[in-house]
N, C-alpha and C. Protein backbone atom coordinates (compact mmCIF):
# COMPACT_ATOMS: atom_id res chain seq x y z
N UNK A 1 0.83 -1.19 0.00
CA UNK A 1 0.00 0.00 0.00
C UNK A 1 0.87 1.25 0.00
N UNK A 2 0.39 2.26 -0.67
CA UNK A 2 1.08 3.55 -0.74
C UNK A 2 0.77 4.33 0.53
N UNK A 3 1.77 5.03 1.07
CA UNK A 3 1.57 5.86 2.26
C UNK A 3 0.84 7.14 1.86
N UNK A 4 -0.31 7.38 2.48
CA UNK A 4 -1.08 8.59 2.20
C UNK A 4 -1.41 9.29 3.51
N UNK A 5 -1.52 10.61 3.43
CA UNK A 5 -1.86 11.38 4.62
C UNK A 5 -2.91 12.42 4.28
N UNK A 6 -3.53 12.92 5.32
CA UNK A 6 -4.55 13.95 5.17
C UNK A 6 -3.96 15.14 4.42
N UNK A 7 -4.73 15.66 3.48
CA UNK A 7 -4.30 16.81 2.69
C UNK A 7 -3.62 16.46 1.39
N UNK A 8 -3.26 15.19 1.21
CA UNK A 8 -2.64 14.78 -0.05
C UNK A 8 -3.63 14.89 -1.20
N UNK A 9 -3.13 15.25 -2.35
CA UNK A 9 -3.92 15.24 -3.58
C UNK A 9 -3.94 13.80 -4.07
N UNK A 10 -5.11 13.17 -4.01
CA UNK A 10 -5.26 11.77 -4.38
C UNK A 10 -4.72 11.50 -5.77
N UNK A 11 -4.99 12.39 -6.71
CA UNK A 11 -4.55 12.19 -8.09
C UNK A 11 -3.03 12.14 -8.20
N UNK A 12 -2.35 13.01 -7.48
CA UNK A 12 -0.88 13.03 -7.55
C UNK A 12 -0.27 11.81 -6.87
N UNK A 13 -0.80 11.44 -5.71
CA UNK A 13 -0.26 10.30 -4.97
C UNK A 13 -0.39 9.01 -5.77
N UNK A 14 -1.54 8.83 -6.42
CA UNK A 14 -1.81 7.59 -7.14
C UNK A 14 -1.64 7.71 -8.65
N UNK A 15 -1.08 8.83 -9.09
CA UNK A 15 -0.82 9.07 -10.52
C UNK A 15 -2.09 8.91 -11.37
N UNK A 16 -3.13 9.59 -10.90
CA UNK A 16 -4.42 9.64 -11.60
C UNK A 16 -4.61 11.08 -12.06
N UNK A 17 -5.18 11.26 -13.21
CA UNK A 17 -5.45 12.61 -13.72
C UNK A 17 -6.64 13.23 -12.99
N UNK A 18 -6.61 14.57 -12.84
CA UNK A 18 -7.84 15.26 -12.45
C UNK A 18 -8.86 14.99 -13.53
N UNK A 19 -10.13 15.22 -13.24
CA UNK A 19 -11.11 15.07 -14.31
C UNK A 19 -11.44 16.46 -14.85
N UNK A 20 -11.79 16.51 -16.12
CA UNK A 20 -12.02 17.77 -16.81
C UNK A 20 -13.42 17.81 -17.41
N UNK A 21 -13.92 19.03 -17.60
CA UNK A 21 -15.28 19.25 -18.09
C UNK A 21 -15.26 20.08 -19.36
N UNK A 22 -16.27 19.89 -20.17
CA UNK A 22 -16.46 20.74 -21.35
C UNK A 22 -16.91 22.12 -20.90
N UNK A 23 -16.74 23.10 -21.78
CA UNK A 23 -17.14 24.48 -21.50
C UNK A 23 -18.62 24.54 -21.14
N UNK A 24 -18.93 25.17 -20.02
CA UNK A 24 -20.30 25.41 -19.56
C UNK A 24 -21.08 24.12 -19.30
N UNK A 25 -20.39 23.03 -19.01
CA UNK A 25 -21.04 21.74 -18.76
C UNK A 25 -20.61 21.18 -17.41
N UNK A 26 -21.46 20.30 -16.87
CA UNK A 26 -21.12 19.63 -15.61
C UNK A 26 -21.24 18.12 -15.72
N UNK A 27 -21.58 17.62 -16.91
CA UNK A 27 -21.71 16.17 -17.07
C UNK A 27 -20.33 15.51 -17.09
N UNK A 28 -20.31 14.24 -16.69
CA UNK A 28 -19.07 13.47 -16.66
C UNK A 28 -18.77 12.94 -18.06
N UNK A 29 -17.65 13.38 -18.62
CA UNK A 29 -17.23 12.91 -19.94
C UNK A 29 -16.66 11.50 -19.83
N UNK A 30 -16.53 10.83 -20.99
CA UNK A 30 -15.97 9.48 -20.98
C UNK A 30 -14.56 9.47 -20.39
N UNK A 31 -13.70 10.41 -20.81
CA UNK A 31 -12.33 10.42 -20.28
C UNK A 31 -12.31 10.66 -18.78
N UNK A 32 -13.27 11.42 -18.28
CA UNK A 32 -13.37 11.64 -16.83
C UNK A 32 -13.82 10.36 -16.13
N UNK A 33 -14.73 9.61 -16.74
CA UNK A 33 -15.19 8.37 -16.11
C UNK A 33 -14.06 7.36 -15.98
N UNK A 34 -13.13 7.38 -16.91
CA UNK A 34 -11.96 6.49 -16.82
C UNK A 34 -11.13 6.84 -15.58
N UNK A 35 -10.92 8.13 -15.35
CA UNK A 35 -10.15 8.57 -14.17
C UNK A 35 -10.94 8.32 -12.89
N UNK A 36 -12.25 8.55 -12.93
CA UNK A 36 -13.08 8.29 -11.75
C UNK A 36 -13.07 6.81 -11.38
N UNK A 37 -13.02 5.94 -12.38
CA UNK A 37 -12.94 4.50 -12.10
C UNK A 37 -11.64 4.17 -11.36
N UNK A 38 -10.56 4.87 -11.68
CA UNK A 38 -9.30 4.68 -10.96
C UNK A 38 -9.41 5.16 -9.52
N UNK A 39 -10.10 6.28 -9.32
CA UNK A 39 -10.32 6.80 -7.97
C UNK A 39 -11.18 5.82 -7.19
N UNK A 40 -12.18 5.26 -7.84
CA UNK A 40 -13.03 4.24 -7.23
C UNK A 40 -12.19 3.06 -6.74
N UNK A 41 -11.26 2.59 -7.55
CA UNK A 41 -10.38 1.48 -7.16
C UNK A 41 -9.56 1.84 -5.92
N UNK A 42 -9.03 3.06 -5.88
CA UNK A 42 -8.25 3.49 -4.72
C UNK A 42 -9.13 3.51 -3.48
N UNK A 43 -10.34 4.01 -3.61
CA UNK A 43 -11.24 4.09 -2.46
C UNK A 43 -11.67 2.70 -1.98
N UNK A 44 -11.72 1.75 -2.89
CA UNK A 44 -12.00 0.37 -2.49
C UNK A 44 -10.80 -0.24 -1.77
N UNK A 45 -9.60 0.12 -2.20
CA UNK A 45 -8.38 -0.39 -1.57
C UNK A 45 -8.17 0.22 -0.18
N UNK A 46 -8.64 1.46 0.00
CA UNK A 46 -8.53 2.17 1.27
C UNK A 46 -9.95 2.49 1.76
N UNK A 47 -10.62 1.52 2.39
CA UNK A 47 -12.04 1.67 2.71
C UNK A 47 -12.37 2.74 3.75
N UNK A 48 -11.37 3.26 4.45
CA UNK A 48 -11.64 4.33 5.42
C UNK A 48 -11.31 5.72 4.86
N UNK A 49 -10.77 5.76 3.66
CA UNK A 49 -10.40 7.04 3.05
C UNK A 49 -11.64 7.89 2.78
N UNK A 50 -11.54 9.16 3.14
CA UNK A 50 -12.58 10.14 2.81
C UNK A 50 -11.92 11.22 1.96
N UNK A 51 -12.64 11.67 0.95
CA UNK A 51 -12.07 12.69 0.06
C UNK A 51 -12.99 13.89 -0.07
N UNK A 52 -12.37 15.00 -0.38
CA UNK A 52 -13.07 16.25 -0.67
C UNK A 52 -12.90 16.52 -2.16
N UNK A 53 -14.02 16.62 -2.86
CA UNK A 53 -14.00 16.92 -4.30
C UNK A 53 -14.03 18.44 -4.44
N UNK A 54 -13.08 18.98 -5.18
CA UNK A 54 -12.99 20.43 -5.37
C UNK A 54 -13.08 20.73 -6.86
N UNK A 55 -14.16 21.38 -7.24
CA UNK A 55 -14.41 21.62 -8.67
C UNK A 55 -14.21 23.09 -9.02
N UNK A 56 -13.81 23.30 -10.27
CA UNK A 56 -13.39 24.62 -10.74
C UNK A 56 -13.93 24.89 -12.14
N UNK A 57 -13.91 26.17 -12.51
CA UNK A 57 -14.29 26.59 -13.85
C UNK A 57 -13.14 27.39 -14.46
N UNK A 58 -13.29 27.69 -15.75
CA UNK A 58 -12.37 28.68 -16.33
C UNK A 58 -12.93 30.06 -16.02
N UNK A 59 -12.29 31.10 -16.51
CA UNK A 59 -12.66 32.46 -16.13
C UNK A 59 -13.79 33.06 -16.96
N UNK A 60 -14.21 32.37 -18.01
CA UNK A 60 -15.28 32.91 -18.84
C UNK A 60 -16.60 32.79 -18.11
N UNK A 61 -17.40 33.84 -18.16
CA UNK A 61 -18.67 33.88 -17.43
C UNK A 61 -18.50 34.70 -16.16
N UNK A 62 -19.63 35.06 -15.56
CA UNK A 62 -19.58 35.88 -14.34
C UNK A 62 -19.11 35.03 -13.16
N UNK A 63 -18.61 35.71 -12.14
CA UNK A 63 -18.15 35.01 -10.94
C UNK A 63 -19.28 34.19 -10.33
N UNK A 64 -20.48 34.78 -10.24
CA UNK A 64 -21.60 34.06 -9.62
C UNK A 64 -22.03 32.87 -10.46
N UNK A 65 -22.05 33.04 -11.78
CA UNK A 65 -22.41 31.90 -12.65
C UNK A 65 -21.39 30.78 -12.49
N UNK A 66 -20.12 31.13 -12.47
CA UNK A 66 -19.07 30.11 -12.36
C UNK A 66 -19.10 29.40 -11.01
N UNK A 67 -19.48 30.10 -9.95
CA UNK A 67 -19.63 29.42 -8.65
C UNK A 67 -20.73 28.37 -8.74
N UNK A 68 -21.86 28.74 -9.34
CA UNK A 68 -22.96 27.78 -9.48
C UNK A 68 -22.56 26.62 -10.38
N UNK A 69 -21.84 26.90 -11.46
CA UNK A 69 -21.39 25.84 -12.36
C UNK A 69 -20.42 24.89 -11.65
N UNK A 70 -19.51 25.44 -10.88
CA UNK A 70 -18.57 24.56 -10.16
C UNK A 70 -19.30 23.72 -9.11
N UNK A 71 -20.35 24.27 -8.50
CA UNK A 71 -21.17 23.47 -7.58
C UNK A 71 -21.85 22.32 -8.31
N UNK A 72 -22.34 22.57 -9.51
CA UNK A 72 -22.95 21.48 -10.30
C UNK A 72 -21.90 20.42 -10.66
N UNK A 73 -20.69 20.85 -10.92
CA UNK A 73 -19.62 19.90 -11.24
C UNK A 73 -19.28 19.03 -10.03
N UNK A 74 -19.24 19.62 -8.85
CA UNK A 74 -19.02 18.84 -7.63
C UNK A 74 -20.11 17.79 -7.48
N UNK A 75 -21.36 18.23 -7.62
CA UNK A 75 -22.49 17.30 -7.44
C UNK A 75 -22.44 16.18 -8.47
N UNK A 76 -22.12 16.49 -9.69
CA UNK A 76 -22.03 15.49 -10.75
C UNK A 76 -20.92 14.48 -10.46
N UNK A 77 -19.79 14.96 -10.00
CA UNK A 77 -18.65 14.10 -9.68
C UNK A 77 -18.99 13.17 -8.51
N UNK A 78 -19.55 13.74 -7.45
CA UNK A 78 -19.92 12.94 -6.28
C UNK A 78 -21.01 11.95 -6.64
N UNK A 79 -21.98 12.38 -7.43
CA UNK A 79 -23.07 11.48 -7.85
C UNK A 79 -22.51 10.26 -8.59
N UNK A 80 -21.52 10.47 -9.46
CA UNK A 80 -20.91 9.35 -10.19
C UNK A 80 -20.26 8.38 -9.22
N UNK A 81 -19.50 8.90 -8.26
CA UNK A 81 -18.82 8.03 -7.30
C UNK A 81 -19.82 7.24 -6.45
N UNK A 82 -20.88 7.89 -6.00
CA UNK A 82 -21.90 7.20 -5.21
C UNK A 82 -22.60 6.14 -6.05
N UNK A 83 -22.95 6.49 -7.28
CA UNK A 83 -23.63 5.53 -8.17
C UNK A 83 -22.77 4.30 -8.45
N UNK A 84 -21.46 4.45 -8.28
CA UNK A 84 -20.56 3.33 -8.54
C UNK A 84 -20.01 2.69 -7.27
N UNK A 85 -20.67 2.96 -6.14
CA UNK A 85 -20.39 2.19 -4.93
C UNK A 85 -19.70 2.88 -3.78
N UNK A 86 -19.34 4.15 -3.90
CA UNK A 86 -18.71 4.85 -2.78
C UNK A 86 -19.81 5.39 -1.87
N UNK A 87 -19.68 5.15 -0.58
CA UNK A 87 -20.66 5.65 0.39
C UNK A 87 -20.60 7.18 0.45
N UNK A 88 -21.77 7.80 0.50
CA UNK A 88 -21.85 9.27 0.52
C UNK A 88 -21.13 9.87 1.71
N UNK A 89 -21.05 9.13 2.82
CA UNK A 89 -20.39 9.69 4.00
C UNK A 89 -18.86 9.74 3.87
N UNK A 90 -18.34 9.24 2.77
CA UNK A 90 -16.89 9.31 2.51
C UNK A 90 -16.53 10.47 1.58
N UNK A 91 -17.54 11.25 1.19
CA UNK A 91 -17.34 12.29 0.18
C UNK A 91 -17.87 13.63 0.67
N UNK A 92 -17.08 14.66 0.48
CA UNK A 92 -17.54 16.04 0.64
C UNK A 92 -17.14 16.76 -0.63
N UNK A 93 -17.65 17.96 -0.81
CA UNK A 93 -17.28 18.69 -2.00
C UNK A 93 -17.61 20.16 -1.91
N UNK A 94 -16.91 20.92 -2.75
CA UNK A 94 -17.13 22.35 -2.80
C UNK A 94 -16.72 22.86 -4.17
N UNK A 95 -17.50 23.80 -4.68
CA UNK A 95 -17.15 24.48 -5.91
C UNK A 95 -16.38 25.75 -5.62
N UNK A 96 -15.37 26.02 -6.42
CA UNK A 96 -14.53 27.19 -6.24
C UNK A 96 -14.66 28.20 -7.38
N UNK A 97 -15.54 27.92 -8.34
CA UNK A 97 -15.68 28.83 -9.47
C UNK A 97 -14.35 29.03 -10.17
N UNK A 98 -14.03 30.29 -10.44
CA UNK A 98 -12.78 30.61 -11.13
C UNK A 98 -11.72 31.15 -10.17
N UNK A 99 -11.89 30.89 -8.88
CA UNK A 99 -10.99 31.48 -7.87
C UNK A 99 -9.64 30.79 -7.75
N UNK A 100 -9.49 29.58 -8.34
CA UNK A 100 -8.21 28.86 -8.22
C UNK A 100 -7.75 28.37 -9.60
N UNK A 101 -7.51 29.30 -10.48
CA UNK A 101 -7.05 28.96 -11.83
C UNK A 101 -5.66 28.33 -11.76
N UNK A 102 -5.38 27.43 -12.68
CA UNK A 102 -4.07 26.76 -12.71
C UNK A 102 -3.07 27.50 -13.59
N UNK A 103 -3.53 28.55 -14.26
CA UNK A 103 -2.66 29.27 -15.18
C UNK A 103 -3.02 30.76 -15.19
N UNK A 104 -2.54 31.48 -16.16
CA UNK A 104 -2.69 32.94 -16.24
C UNK A 104 -4.02 33.39 -16.85
N UNK A 105 -4.93 32.49 -17.14
CA UNK A 105 -6.13 32.78 -17.92
C UNK A 105 -7.26 33.39 -17.10
N UNK A 106 -7.00 34.52 -16.48
CA UNK A 106 -8.04 35.20 -15.71
C UNK A 106 -8.90 36.06 -16.63
N UNK A 107 -9.87 36.76 -16.07
CA UNK A 107 -10.79 37.58 -16.85
C UNK A 107 -10.04 38.52 -17.78
N UNK A 108 -10.45 38.54 -19.04
CA UNK A 108 -9.89 39.46 -20.01
C UNK A 108 -8.58 39.03 -20.65
N UNK A 109 -8.01 37.93 -20.23
CA UNK A 109 -6.76 37.44 -20.80
C UNK A 109 -7.09 36.52 -21.97
N UNK A 110 -6.43 36.75 -23.10
CA UNK A 110 -6.65 35.92 -24.29
C UNK A 110 -5.93 34.59 -24.11
N UNK A 111 -6.70 33.50 -24.08
CA UNK A 111 -6.12 32.17 -23.86
C UNK A 111 -6.67 31.19 -24.88
N UNK A 112 -5.92 30.14 -25.12
CA UNK A 112 -6.35 29.08 -26.04
C UNK A 112 -7.42 28.21 -25.37
N UNK A 113 -8.09 27.41 -26.19
CA UNK A 113 -9.07 26.45 -25.67
C UNK A 113 -8.41 25.50 -24.68
N UNK A 114 -7.20 25.06 -24.99
CA UNK A 114 -6.48 24.13 -24.12
C UNK A 114 -6.14 24.76 -22.77
N UNK A 115 -5.77 26.03 -22.80
CA UNK A 115 -5.45 26.71 -21.54
C UNK A 115 -6.70 26.85 -20.67
N UNK A 116 -7.83 27.20 -21.29
CA UNK A 116 -9.08 27.28 -20.52
C UNK A 116 -9.47 25.90 -20.00
N UNK A 117 -9.28 24.87 -20.83
CA UNK A 117 -9.64 23.50 -20.43
C UNK A 117 -8.93 23.09 -19.14
N UNK A 118 -7.69 23.49 -18.98
CA UNK A 118 -6.91 23.11 -17.80
C UNK A 118 -7.57 23.58 -16.50
N UNK A 119 -8.36 24.62 -16.57
CA UNK A 119 -9.01 25.16 -15.38
C UNK A 119 -10.35 24.50 -15.07
N UNK A 120 -10.97 23.87 -16.04
CA UNK A 120 -12.30 23.26 -15.85
C UNK A 120 -12.12 21.83 -15.34
N UNK A 121 -11.98 21.70 -14.02
CA UNK A 121 -11.55 20.42 -13.46
C UNK A 121 -12.18 20.15 -12.10
N UNK A 122 -12.11 18.88 -11.71
CA UNK A 122 -12.35 18.47 -10.32
C UNK A 122 -11.08 17.83 -9.81
N UNK A 123 -10.73 18.19 -8.58
CA UNK A 123 -9.57 17.64 -7.89
C UNK A 123 -10.07 16.83 -6.70
N UNK A 124 -9.22 15.96 -6.19
CA UNK A 124 -9.62 15.04 -5.13
C UNK A 124 -8.58 15.09 -4.01
N UNK A 125 -8.98 15.64 -2.86
CA UNK A 125 -8.06 15.82 -1.74
C UNK A 125 -8.45 14.85 -0.62
N UNK A 126 -7.47 14.14 -0.10
CA UNK A 126 -7.71 13.19 0.99
C UNK A 126 -7.90 13.99 2.27
N UNK A 127 -9.05 13.81 2.92
CA UNK A 127 -9.32 14.55 4.16
C UNK A 127 -9.20 13.67 5.39
N UNK A 128 -9.28 12.35 5.21
CA UNK A 128 -9.18 11.46 6.36
C UNK A 128 -8.86 10.05 5.88
N UNK A 129 -8.12 9.34 6.72
CA UNK A 129 -7.83 7.93 6.46
C UNK A 129 -8.43 7.05 7.55
N UNK A 130 -9.26 7.63 8.41
CA UNK A 130 -9.85 6.89 9.53
C UNK A 130 -11.35 6.76 9.38
């Protein structure tokens, strides 16, 4: 077993990709379901692990709209995990809108589709191993 501690980014520890979303969407794409299946395997291997799902948007759209969109992304991500066997009491989540961009693509900055895509993601943080 891999040594994990509270606060670790599950994706980095287990070499799993964050999941990504299409522009203005919250549905789980096929490529995201592949990564979620890997997270599911980890959670089955570590049955006491609890994770916090943190979802984000790119900077396009208003701050309030992006907060609501990131909340929908959290719910969609958690719903997928629950539907595939993870107990709801092992999952928490929060949307961050565009407040934690991974690059320079803030409001008014000209960025490529790929650069915006990098910000439209859900991350998985280990909050407890007990």
